[in-house]
Structure formats: C-alpha cells, structure tokens
Amino acid sequence: MQDRLHQAHRQSMVPGLADALATPRLPGLLGVALSGAGPSVIALARDRHREIGARISESFAAHGVRATVRVLEADTGGRILGKSNPLCDSLCLLSVILSFSSVSPKRD
C-alpha cells in the first residue's frame, strides 16, 4: 500500500511512521498505510493480527509515541456482485491510533 501523495510528506511529522510503513512482510500482513491525514495507521491482515499490531506499535514506541491497536473486522457482507472473494472471509483491519501527547524529545 504505497501512497505517493501524502505519506512521504507526512513521515517527518509523525515520529515512527517511516518505521511502521517499512514493517517487514509478516505472514498474514497485506499492507500498512497512514490513515488519511492521521493520527492513525491502518494495516490489512488475514491473520496473526495481534502480532502484527504489536510490531507496528513498537515502531512508534521506539520514537516515544504511544499507540493503541484495535483489531476490527472488515465488512465482507456489503454489496456483492458475483462470487465471494475468499480473501475477504478472514480479512481484518488493524487500526493503530497514535497519541502524540506522549512524544518525548529525542536525546542524543
């Protein structure tokens, strides 16, 4: 999930975002992206949701940003025109909500 319009420009404003977007391809993970203008990150995953959420959350914790992970079910019963896609049967959306109030200045 590569957004060339706004993710690159916002990485410097969201500590840990670059690391979260660079999360290695874990089993079950389909992609990670900044959600709109933030302060949330979304990830699409088929399984291992808690593990993937923890890995993304750690990306922000390393930069002093507290993150809350919520595992949400994707709507698989919306308007369907034709056969069901088996991918959607187990698809979940991970919402990683960031709290910038806990950002501490980095000390070198």
Protein backbone atom coordinates (compact mmCIF):
# COMPACT_ATOMS: atom_id res chain seq x y z
CA MET A 1 0.00 0.00 0.00
CA GLN A 2 2.19 2.79 -1.29
CA ASP A 3 0.62 6.24 -1.18
CA ARG A 4 2.80 8.61 -3.14
CA LEU A 5 0.64 11.67 -2.49
CA HIS A 6 0.86 12.27 1.23
CA GLN A 7 2.71 9.54 3.16
CA ALA A 8 6.17 10.62 2.10
CA HIS A 9 5.49 14.24 3.06
CA ARG A 10 3.99 13.35 6.45
CA GLN A 11 6.70 10.94 7.58
CA SER A 12 8.74 13.76 9.08
CA MET A 13 5.70 14.96 11.07
CA VAL A 14 4.79 11.54 12.52
CA PRO A 15 7.63 10.05 14.58
CA GLY A 16 7.89 6.33 13.84
CA LEU A 17 5.75 6.42 10.70
CA ALA A 18 8.64 5.57 8.37
CA ASP A 19 9.48 2.53 10.52
CA ALA A 20 5.83 1.43 10.66
CA LEU A 21 5.47 1.72 6.88
CA ALA A 22 8.66 -0.32 6.49
CA THR A 23 7.28 -3.16 8.63
CA PRO A 24 8.68 -6.34 7.09
CA ARG A 25 6.32 -8.61 5.20
CA LEU A 26 5.00 -10.75 8.05
CA PRO A 27 2.81 -13.79 7.38
CA GLY A 28 -0.77 -12.55 7.12
CA LEU A 29 0.12 -8.88 6.63
CA LEU A 30 -1.18 -7.42 3.37
CA GLY A 31 -0.13 -3.79 3.83
CA VAL A 32 0.33 -0.77 6.12
CA ALA A 33 -0.62 2.86 5.38
CA LEU A 34 -1.16 6.20 7.05
CA SER A 35 -4.90 6.56 7.56
CA GLY A 36 -5.99 9.79 5.93
CA ALA A 37 -4.19 12.73 7.50
CA GLY A 38 -3.50 10.71 10.65
CA PRO A 39 -3.05 10.30 13.58
CA SER A 40 -3.90 6.69 12.70
CA VAL A 41 -2.20 3.96 10.74
CA ILE A 42 -4.14 1.12 9.16
CA ALA A 43 -2.96 -2.35 8.30
CA LEU A 44 -4.79 -5.04 6.39
CA ALA A 45 -4.12 -8.55 7.63
CA ARG A 46 -5.53 -12.02 7.11
CA ASP A 47 -4.30 -13.50 10.41
CA ARG A 48 -1.76 -13.02 13.23
CA HIS A 49 -3.49 -9.70 13.94
CA ARG A 50 -2.19 -9.17 17.49
CA GLU A 51 1.40 -9.95 16.49
CA ILE A 52 1.26 -7.58 13.52
CA GLY A 53 -0.36 -4.84 15.62
CA ALA A 54 2.34 -5.22 18.27
CA ARG A 55 5.10 -4.95 15.67
CA ILE A 56 3.62 -1.75 14.22
CA SER A 57 3.04 -0.33 17.70
CA GLU A 58 6.71 -0.99 18.57
CA SER A 59 7.73 1.19 15.61
CA PHE A 60 6.09 4.15 17.31
CA ALA A 61 7.13 3.26 20.87
CA ALA A 62 10.76 3.43 19.75
CA HIS A 63 10.12 7.11 18.96
CA GLY A 64 8.25 7.88 22.20
CA VAL A 65 4.78 7.75 20.67
CA ARG A 66 2.10 5.74 22.47
CA ALA A 67 -0.09 3.65 20.16
CA THR A 68 -3.35 1.81 20.73
CA VAL A 69 -4.05 -1.16 18.45
CA ARG A 70 -7.62 -2.12 17.60
CA VAL A 71 -8.46 -5.18 15.55
CA LEU A 72 -11.61 -4.55 13.53
CA GLU A 73 -13.45 -6.93 11.26
CA ALA A 74 -13.75 -5.88 7.65
CA ASP A 75 -17.26 -5.79 6.21
CA THR A 76 -17.45 -8.84 3.98
CA GLY A 77 -21.20 -8.76 3.54
CA GLY A 78 -21.60 -5.46 1.76
CA ARG A 79 -22.84 -5.24 -1.80
CA ILE A 80 -21.56 -8.30 -3.66
CA LEU A 81 -21.84 -8.57 -7.42
CA GLY A 82 -20.88 -12.13 -8.21
CA LYS A 83 -18.87 -14.67 -6.26
CA SER A 84 -17.39 -14.02 -2.84
CA ASN A 85 -13.68 -13.38 -2.62
CA PRO A 86 -12.12 -15.93 -0.21
CA LEU A 87 -9.56 -13.31 0.89
CA CYS A 88 -12.35 -11.26 2.45
CA ASP A 89 -13.56 -14.15 4.60
CA SER A 90 -10.67 -13.69 7.05
CA LEU A 91 -9.63 -10.10 6.37
CA CYS A 92 -9.25 -7.76 9.33
CA LEU A 93 -8.37 -4.13 9.60
CA LEU A 94 -5.88 -3.13 12.26
CA SER A 95 -6.30 0.44 13.40
CA VAL A 96 -3.24 1.83 15.20
CA ILE A 97 -4.21 5.07 16.90
CA LEU A 98 -1.33 7.32 17.89
CA SER A 99 -1.09 9.60 20.88
CA PHE A 100 1.30 12.46 20.29
CA SER A 101 0.84 13.91 23.75
CA SER A 102 3.38 11.39 24.99
CA VAL A 103 6.10 12.31 22.50
CA SER A 104 9.37 12.93 24.29
CA PRO A 105 12.18 14.85 22.65
CA LYS A 106 14.95 12.57 21.44
CA ARG A 107 18.19 12.99 23.34
CA ASP A 108 21.47 12.16 21.67
